[in-house]
């Protein structure tokens, strides 16, 4: 069963928004080793890096608030309207980071302004996934949900891939000290470009047919968030989804997100090496999520997720060791590492959307997804702390052990959840 032109436009529009989210959020990860001393100067480089990581983490932990605001808005006034606002908000915020003065110019106000913009960016970014995921799942045929779910979820890794390519080009154009002076600013300025592309596609998108039908019948929920959190009917589903996302976020940000710092701070990789490696890693993660989503349509959402999570438990430590030791097959190890460890979330847009009715779906799916960031987003800081406190030979074990913690968090609520592959959305 193929998709109609209108369905393809919705899927692409949602994918582009999630890609921009990945692109904008990830730019900070790629430049942390370069700009940490510009905003958080210190004699201890690890402290500066951890402080900059904290400003990145702030963006993630603000996302639940954004998902509440725009989830309620999307349930009441439409998914499309919500998506138009969010895409503009966080792309402008990314551009604004490139304009920030450094600590040397204005002192303590530099990190304060950085944190404030990251807070605002997190709120807009928090509303993006929920609206995009549910409008897509509500618009495509049941038989295609798994594959389209993986395609949509892979958007973040695709944005990461574009960011890695932009990072490599920028480091080539502004080598050495020039990158610390101007290159990182140019990198953030580019964030406005994919934002306008996504906005252009969304202008011609249709509204979700399920939401439009409920709206026409006057059957929308007046207080969707209260119904989800306080009502007994959806509370269990909500908390299981939030727990699953806590583990998945912990795994992703404890592997792919920390990889540039892992390679540069604890390994012997330079900026050029890191840029090229991240291109391979994010391309592998992008493809892996599509594969996991496709697999979920064949085997079920739960089985597909659990297979990849179990593989992560078995392979994360040996792969982390092989990567850091710069073996001859390092690129192959990077590709396998990213494919296995970061892609279990492929079925999530379908798995979460299938659990809630249209009246509360935007709020429930979006809030539960982003609620996982409250605890899961601390994974890079925990990994960095663990790796900084052990001897060099134990650093890969510290990274792998942190990933395994996330995997265990995923396994328990996933096994307690019901399968939804064959559920009709209403």
Protein backbone atom coordinates (compact mmCIF):
# COMPACT_ATOMS: atom_id res chain seq x y z
CA UNK A 1 0.00 0.00 0.00
CA UNK A 2 1.69 3.18 -1.17
CA UNK A 3 1.30 6.63 0.37
CA UNK A 4 -0.69 9.40 -1.28
CA UNK A 5 0.93 12.71 -2.16
CA UNK A 6 -0.64 14.37 0.88
CA UNK A 7 0.58 11.59 3.19
CA UNK A 8 4.11 11.81 1.78
CA UNK A 9 4.12 15.58 2.34
CA UNK A 10 3.12 15.12 5.98
CA UNK A 11 5.78 12.44 6.53
CA UNK A 12 8.50 14.55 4.88
CA UNK A 13 7.42 17.72 6.70
CA UNK A 14 7.60 15.94 10.05
CA UNK A 15 10.90 14.28 9.15
CA UNK A 16 12.45 17.63 8.21
CA UNK A 17 11.35 19.19 11.49
CA UNK A 18 12.84 16.38 13.54
CA UNK A 19 15.99 16.59 11.38
CA UNK A 20 16.28 20.28 12.14
CA UNK A 21 15.85 19.47 15.81
CA UNK A 22 18.77 17.05 15.54
CA UNK A 23 20.83 19.51 13.53
CA UNK A 24 20.32 22.45 15.88
CA UNK A 25 20.67 20.54 19.14
CA UNK A 26 23.71 18.59 17.99
CA UNK A 27 25.75 21.57 16.80
CA UNK A 28 26.52 22.27 20.46
CA UNK A 29 27.88 18.74 20.97
CA UNK A 30 30.27 19.06 18.06
CA UNK A 31 31.78 22.34 19.26
CA UNK A 32 31.90 21.69 23.03
CA UNK A 33 35.67 20.97 23.10
CA UNK A 34 36.28 24.17 21.06
CA UNK A 35 34.00 26.69 22.79
CA UNK A 36 34.10 25.44 26.40
CA UNK A 37 36.89 27.88 27.31
CA UNK A 38 35.13 30.74 25.48
CA UNK A 39 32.08 30.62 27.75
CA UNK A 40 33.31 28.73 30.82
CA UNK A 41 37.04 29.55 31.13
CA UNK A 42 38.94 27.48 33.68
CA UNK A 43 42.39 26.06 34.39
CA UNK A 44 40.72 22.65 34.43
CA UNK A 45 39.59 21.77 30.87
CA UNK A 46 37.34 18.93 32.12
CA UNK A 47 35.42 21.43 34.28
CA UNK A 48 34.92 23.74 31.29
CA UNK A 49 33.69 20.86 29.14
CA UNK A 50 31.30 19.63 31.84
CA UNK A 51 29.91 23.16 32.32
CA UNK A 52 29.31 23.45 28.55
CA UNK A 53 27.70 20.00 28.55
CA UNK A 54 25.41 21.26 31.30
CA UNK A 55 24.21 24.08 29.03
CA UNK A 56 23.46 21.41 26.41
CA UNK A 57 21.63 19.30 29.00
CA UNK A 58 19.50 22.31 29.98
CA UNK A 59 18.04 22.31 26.48
CA UNK A 60 17.02 18.69 26.89
CA UNK A 61 15.46 19.02 30.34
CA UNK A 62 13.37 22.01 29.19
CA UNK A 63 11.80 19.93 26.45
CA UNK A 64 9.11 18.39 28.70
CA UNK A 65 7.76 21.90 29.38
CA UNK A 66 7.67 22.58 25.65
CA UNK A 67 5.90 19.29 25.00
CA UNK A 68 3.22 20.23 27.55
CA UNK A 69 2.69 23.70 26.06
CA UNK A 70 2.62 22.64 22.42
CA UNK A 71 1.02 19.26 23.09
CA UNK A 72 -2.01 20.95 24.63
CA UNK A 73 -1.99 23.50 21.79
CA UNK A 74 -1.83 20.71 19.19
CA UNK A 75 -4.70 18.78 20.78
CA UNK A 76 -6.88 21.90 20.95
CA UNK A 77 -5.97 23.84 17.80
CA UNK A 78 -4.35 21.33 15.46
CA UNK A 79 -1.02 19.56 14.91
CA UNK A 80 -0.08 21.70 11.91
CA UNK A 81 -0.39 25.04 13.74
CA UNK A 82 1.80 23.76 16.56
CA UNK A 83 4.46 22.56 14.11
CA UNK A 84 4.64 25.95 12.38
CA UNK A 85 5.44 27.72 15.65
CA UNK A 86 8.00 25.21 16.93
CA UNK A 87 10.05 25.10 13.72
CA UNK A 88 10.42 28.88 13.68
CA UNK A 89 11.22 29.10 17.38
CA UNK A 90 14.15 26.76 17.68
CA UNK A 91 15.77 27.57 14.33
CA UNK A 92 15.88 31.29 15.27
CA UNK A 93 17.30 30.31 18.70
CA UNK A 94 20.11 28.36 17.04
CA UNK A 95 20.98 31.32 14.82
CA UNK A 96 21.05 33.56 17.91
CA UNK A 97 23.74 31.43 19.59
CA UNK A 98 26.12 32.40 16.80
CA UNK A 99 25.66 36.06 17.77
CA UNK A 100 26.62 35.62 21.44
CA UNK A 101 29.62 37.53 22.88
CA UNK A 102 32.15 35.40 24.79
CA UNK A 103 33.29 35.54 28.41
CA UNK A 104 36.31 37.63 27.42
CA UNK A 105 33.96 40.30 26.05
CA UNK A 106 31.21 40.57 28.68
CA UNK A 107 32.24 38.29 31.54
CA UNK A 108 29.66 36.26 33.44
CA UNK A 109 26.83 37.48 31.19
CA UNK A 110 28.21 35.32 28.35
CA UNK A 111 27.36 31.93 29.93
CA UNK A 112 24.11 33.38 31.33
CA UNK A 113 22.96 34.44 27.85
CA UNK A 114 24.01 31.07 26.44
CA UNK A 115 21.96 29.23 29.07
CA UNK A 116 18.93 31.50 28.50
CA UNK A 117 18.90 30.84 24.77
CA UNK A 118 19.32 27.11 25.36
CA UNK A 119 16.32 27.25 27.72
CA UNK A 120 14.16 28.91 25.06
CA UNK A 121 15.41 26.53 22.40
CA UNK A 122 14.50 23.54 24.57
CA UNK A 123 10.90 24.74 24.98
CA UNK A 124 10.34 25.05 21.22
CA UNK A 125 12.18 21.81 20.50
CA UNK A 126 10.04 20.01 23.09
CA UNK A 127 6.90 20.68 21.09
CA UNK A 128 8.34 19.49 17.79
CA UNK A 129 8.42 15.71 18.18
CA UNK A 130 4.92 15.23 19.60
CA UNK A 131 3.09 17.13 16.89
CA UNK A 132 5.20 15.68 14.08
CA UNK A 133 4.94 12.09 15.31
CA UNK A 134 1.19 12.06 15.85
CA UNK A 135 0.20 13.92 12.67
CA UNK A 136 2.26 11.40 10.69
CA UNK A 137 0.95 8.30 12.47
CA UNK A 138 -2.63 9.62 12.24
CA UNK A 139 -2.24 10.15 8.48
CA UNK A 140 -0.54 6.98 7.16
CA UNK A 141 -2.05 3.48 6.74
CA UNK A 142 -1.63 1.00 9.61
CA UNK A 143 0.46 -1.30 7.40
CA UNK A 144 3.03 1.47 6.89
CA UNK A 145 3.25 2.80 10.45
CA UNK A 146 6.34 0.82 11.45
CA UNK A 147 8.46 1.82 8.46
CA UNK A 148 7.30 5.46 8.55
CA UNK A 149 7.89 5.49 12.30
CA UNK A 150 11.51 4.47 11.76
CA UNK A 151 11.87 7.01 8.95
CA UNK A 152 10.46 9.78 11.14
CA UNK A 153 12.52 8.86 14.21
CA UNK A 154 15.68 8.65 12.08
CA UNK A 155 15.25 12.35 11.34
CA UNK A 156 17.22 13.26 14.46
CA UNK A 157 20.18 11.17 13.31
CA UNK A 158 19.84 12.58 9.80
CA UNK A 159 20.06 16.06 11.31
CA UNK A 160 23.08 14.89 13.28
CA UNK A 161 24.60 13.67 10.00
CA UNK A 162 24.02 17.05 8.32
CA UNK A 163 25.53 18.77 11.36
CA UNK A 164 28.61 16.52 11.17
CA UNK A 165 29.02 17.35 7.46
CA UNK A 166 28.60 21.07 8.19
CA UNK A 167 31.14 20.72 11.02
CA UNK A 168 33.72 19.11 8.72
CA UNK A 169 33.22 21.81 6.06
CA UNK A 170 33.47 24.57 8.67
CA UNK A 171 36.65 23.15 10.24
CA UNK A 172 38.15 23.00 6.74
CA UNK A 173 37.15 26.60 5.96
CA UNK A 174 38.27 27.89 9.39
CA UNK A 175 41.25 25.75 10.46
CA UNK A 176 42.95 25.86 13.86
CA UNK A 177 42.42 29.02 15.90
CA UNK A 178 40.13 30.50 13.25
CA UNK A 179 37.45 27.99 14.25
CA UNK A 180 37.52 29.23 17.86
CA UNK A 181 37.32 32.83 16.62
CA UNK A 182 34.64 32.69 13.91
CA UNK A 183 34.06 29.14 12.61
CA UNK A 184 31.74 28.03 15.41
CA UNK A 185 29.57 31.11 14.87
CA UNK A 186 29.17 30.33 11.16
CA UNK A 187 28.16 26.80 12.13
CA UNK A 188 25.27 28.07 14.29
CA UNK A 189 24.20 30.58 11.62
CA UNK A 190 23.56 27.69 9.23
CA UNK A 191 20.78 26.44 11.55
CA UNK A 192 18.35 28.93 10.04
CA UNK A 193 18.57 27.32 6.58
CA UNK A 194 16.94 23.92 7.25
CA UNK A 195 14.37 25.76 9.38
CA UNK A 196 13.08 27.71 6.40
CA UNK A 197 13.12 24.60 4.21
CA UNK A 198 10.95 22.70 6.74
CA UNK A 199 8.63 25.69 7.16
CA UNK A 200 8.10 25.88 3.39
CA UNK A 201 7.11 22.19 3.24
CA UNK A 202 4.76 22.53 6.23
CA UNK A 203 2.87 25.45 4.73
CA UNK A 204 1.37 23.10 2.15
CA UNK A 205 0.71 20.17 4.55
CA UNK A 206 -2.79 18.99 5.40
CA UNK A 207 -4.04 18.78 8.97
CA UNK A 208 -4.36 15.34 10.58
CA UNK A 209 -7.59 13.73 9.27
CA UNK A 210 -8.30 12.11 12.65
CA UNK A 211 -7.91 15.41 14.52
CA UNK A 212 -9.98 17.27 11.89
CA UNK A 213 -12.77 14.70 12.29
CA UNK A 214 -12.79 15.03 16.10
CA UNK A 215 -12.68 18.81 15.84
CA UNK A 216 -15.64 18.85 13.44
CA UNK A 217 -17.63 16.59 15.78
CA UNK A 218 -16.82 18.79 18.79
CA UNK A 219 -15.20 15.80 20.52
CA UNK A 220 -11.85 17.38 21.53
CA UNK A 221 -10.61 17.12 25.11
CA UNK A 222 -10.77 20.39 27.08
CA UNK A 223 -7.95 19.47 29.52
CA UNK A 224 -5.81 16.77 27.83
CA UNK A 225 -2.89 16.97 30.26
CA UNK A 226 -5.12 16.57 33.32
CA UNK A 227 -6.82 13.60 31.68
CA UNK A 228 -3.46 11.92 31.04
CA UNK A 229 -1.69 12.51 34.33
CA UNK A 230 -4.58 12.53 36.83
CA UNK A 231 -7.06 10.24 35.14
CA UNK A 232 -6.69 6.48 35.67
CA UNK A 233 -7.42 5.50 32.09
CA UNK A 234 -4.11 6.59 30.49
CA UNK A 235 -1.84 7.10 33.48
CA UNK A 236 -0.16 3.67 33.33
CA UNK A 237 0.45 3.99 29.59
CA UNK A 238 1.92 7.46 30.08
CA UNK A 239 4.38 6.41 32.80
CA UNK A 240 5.48 3.29 30.91
CA UNK A 241 6.21 5.40 27.82
CA UNK A 242 8.11 7.95 29.91
CA UNK A 243 10.19 5.16 31.49
CA UNK A 244 10.98 3.63 28.08
CA UNK A 245 12.10 7.01 26.78
CA UNK A 246 14.25 7.63 29.86
CA UNK A 247 16.29 4.55 28.98
CA UNK A 248 16.37 5.22 25.24
CA UNK A 249 17.47 8.83 25.75
CA UNK A 250 20.08 7.67 28.28
CA UNK A 251 21.47 5.21 25.73
CA UNK A 252 21.47 7.62 22.79
CA UNK A 253 23.02 10.57 24.56
CA UNK A 254 25.42 8.29 26.43
CA UNK A 255 26.74 6.94 23.13
CA UNK A 256 26.30 9.12 20.03
CA UNK A 257 26.02 12.48 21.78
CA UNK A 258 29.14 11.98 23.89
CA UNK A 259 31.14 10.41 21.06
CA UNK A 260 32.84 13.65 19.84
CA UNK A 261 34.10 14.40 23.37
CA UNK A 262 34.99 10.72 23.95
CA UNK A 263 37.18 10.70 20.86
CA UNK A 264 38.77 14.12 21.29
CA UNK A 265 39.14 14.40 25.06
CA UNK A 266 39.98 10.80 25.96
CA UNK A 267 41.39 9.54 22.66
CA UNK A 268 43.97 10.82 20.19
CA UNK A 269 41.54 12.02 17.51
CA UNK A 270 41.76 15.56 16.12
CA UNK A 271 38.85 17.71 14.85
CA UNK A 272 39.14 16.34 11.32
CA UNK A 273 39.05 12.74 12.55
CA UNK A 274 36.04 13.46 14.75
CA UNK A 275 34.10 15.15 11.94
CA UNK A 276 34.62 12.21 9.58
CA UNK A 277 33.85 9.62 12.24
CA UNK A 278 30.63 11.38 13.22
CA UNK A 279 29.51 11.32 9.59
CA UNK A 280 29.87 7.52 9.56
CA UNK A 281 28.30 7.15 13.01
CA UNK A 282 25.26 9.31 12.35
CA UNK A 283 24.67 7.81 8.90
CA UNK A 284 24.67 4.37 10.52
CA UNK A 285 22.29 5.54 13.25
CA UNK A 286 19.99 7.11 10.64
CA UNK A 287 19.75 3.86 8.65
CA UNK A 288 19.50 1.77 11.82
CA UNK A 289 16.37 3.55 13.04
CA UNK A 290 14.65 2.99 9.71
CA UNK A 291 15.57 -0.71 9.92
CA UNK A 292 14.28 -0.97 13.50
CA UNK A 293 11.00 0.72 12.54
CA UNK A 294 10.59 -1.62 9.55
CA UNK A 295 11.38 -4.62 11.74
CA UNK A 296 8.71 -3.54 14.23
CA UNK A 297 6.06 -3.90 11.52
CA UNK A 298 7.15 -7.51 11.04
CA UNK A 299 7.86 -8.69 14.59
CA UNK A 300 6.05 -6.14 16.76
CA UNK A 301 7.20 -2.90 18.38
CA UNK A 302 8.38 -4.53 21.61
CA UNK A 303 10.46 -7.31 20.05
CA UNK A 304 12.22 -4.97 17.63
CA UNK A 305 13.21 -2.60 20.43
CA UNK A 306 14.31 -5.37 22.79
CA UNK A 307 16.51 -7.06 20.17
CA UNK A 308 18.58 -3.92 19.68
CA UNK A 309 18.71 -3.11 23.39
CA UNK A 310 19.98 -6.62 24.22
CA UNK A 311 22.63 -6.31 21.52
CA UNK A 312 23.72 -3.04 23.11
CA UNK A 313 24.28 -4.77 26.44
CA UNK A 314 26.49 -7.38 24.78
CA UNK A 315 28.53 -5.12 22.48
CA UNK A 316 28.86 -1.64 24.01
CA UNK A 317 32.01 -2.28 26.11
CA UNK A 318 34.09 -4.19 23.51
CA UNK A 319 33.13 -1.74 20.75
CA UNK A 320 33.93 1.30 22.92
CA UNK A 321 37.34 -0.23 23.65
CA UNK A 322 38.09 -0.97 19.99
CA UNK A 323 37.11 2.58 18.99
CA UNK A 324 39.21 4.37 21.61
CA UNK A 325 42.28 2.25 20.85
CA UNK A 326 42.09 3.36 17.21
CA UNK A 327 42.34 -0.12 15.74
CA UNK A 328 42.68 -0.61 11.99
CA UNK A 329 38.97 -1.32 11.64
CA UNK A 330 37.88 1.70 13.69
CA UNK A 331 35.37 2.92 11.08
CA UNK A 332 33.68 -0.48 10.97
CA UNK A 333 33.48 -0.55 14.76
CA UNK A 334 32.01 2.97 14.76
CA UNK A 335 29.35 1.96 12.23
CA UNK A 336 28.37 -1.15 14.20
CA UNK A 337 28.45 0.77 17.50
CA UNK A 338 26.06 3.45 16.21
CA UNK A 339 23.80 0.95 14.42
CA UNK A 340 23.33 -1.21 17.50
CA UNK A 341 23.45 1.20 20.44
CA UNK A 342 21.49 4.21 19.19
CA UNK A 343 18.65 2.83 17.08
CA UNK A 344 16.18 1.02 19.36
CA UNK A 345 13.88 4.06 19.29
CA UNK A 346 12.89 3.53 15.64
CA UNK A 347 9.40 2.17 16.49
CA UNK A 348 8.69 4.83 19.15
CA UNK A 349 6.54 7.28 17.08
CA UNK A 350 4.19 4.43 16.20
CA UNK A 351 4.45 2.64 19.56
CA UNK A 352 3.55 5.76 21.54
CA UNK A 353 0.92 7.15 19.13
CA UNK A 354 -0.94 3.82 19.03
CA UNK A 355 -1.42 3.86 22.82
CA UNK A 356 -3.59 7.01 23.09
CA UNK A 357 -6.78 8.36 21.43
CA UNK A 358 -6.78 11.39 19.15
CA UNK A 359 -8.19 13.75 21.79
CA UNK A 360 -5.08 13.47 23.98
CA UNK A 361 -2.52 11.91 21.62
CA UNK A 362 -0.42 15.01 20.97
CA UNK A 363 -0.13 15.81 24.69
CA UNK A 364 0.33 12.20 25.82
CA UNK A 365 2.84 11.04 23.20
CA UNK A 366 4.79 14.31 23.23
CA UNK A 367 4.94 14.69 27.01
CA UNK A 368 5.84 11.06 27.71
CA UNK A 369 8.54 11.19 25.02
CA UNK A 370 10.09 14.36 26.40
CA UNK A 371 9.58 13.34 30.04
CA UNK A 372 12.26 10.74 29.38
CA UNK A 373 14.73 13.60 28.96
CA UNK A 374 14.30 14.74 32.58
CA UNK A 375 16.57 11.94 33.78
CA UNK A 376 17.87 10.39 30.56
CA UNK A 377 19.55 13.59 29.34
CA UNK A 378 22.04 13.51 32.23
CA UNK A 379 23.75 10.52 30.64
CA UNK A 380 26.61 12.49 28.96
CA UNK A 381 27.50 14.23 32.22
CA UNK A 382 27.39 10.94 34.13
CA UNK A 383 29.52 9.25 31.45
CA UNK A 384 32.00 12.14 31.46
CA UNK A 385 32.23 11.98 35.26
CA UNK A 386 32.76 8.20 35.20
CA UNK A 387 35.41 8.36 32.49
CA UNK A 388 37.25 11.19 34.25
CA UNK A 389 37.46 9.23 37.49
CA UNK A 390 39.01 5.98 36.20
CA UNK A 391 42.40 5.09 34.79
CA UNK A 392 42.85 5.22 31.03
CA UNK A 393 42.45 1.49 30.46
CA UNK A 394 39.04 1.57 32.14
CA UNK A 395 37.59 4.50 30.16
CA UNK A 396 35.88 2.30 27.50
CA UNK A 397 34.40 0.17 30.30
CA UNK A 398 33.02 3.31 31.97
CA UNK A 399 31.36 4.43 28.71
CA UNK A 400 29.96 0.95 28.01
CA UNK A 401 28.69 0.50 31.56
CA UNK A 402 26.82 3.79 31.30
CA UNK A 403 25.13 2.61 28.10
CA UNK A 404 24.16 -0.68 29.80
CA UNK A 405 22.46 1.30 32.59
CA UNK A 406 20.24 2.92 29.95
CA UNK A 407 19.56 -0.45 28.33
CA UNK A 408 18.33 -1.95 31.60
CA UNK A 409 16.02 1.04 32.11
CA UNK A 410 14.49 0.36 28.65
CA UNK A 411 14.03 -3.38 29.09
CA UNK A 412 11.78 -3.39 32.17
CA UNK A 413 8.97 -0.98 31.04
CA UNK A 414 9.08 -2.35 27.48
CA UNK A 415 8.39 -5.86 28.75
CA UNK A 416 5.54 -4.52 30.91
CA UNK A 417 3.95 -2.69 27.97
CA UNK A 418 1.29 -4.12 25.67
CA UNK A 419 1.98 -4.70 21.98
CA UNK A 420 0.24 -2.17 19.70
CA UNK A 421 1.29 -3.14 16.16
CA UNK A 422 -2.20 -4.24 15.14
CA UNK A 423 -4.17 -1.57 17.02
CA UNK A 424 -6.50 0.74 15.14
CA UNK A 425 -6.05 4.45 15.85
CA UNK A 426 -9.24 6.25 16.80
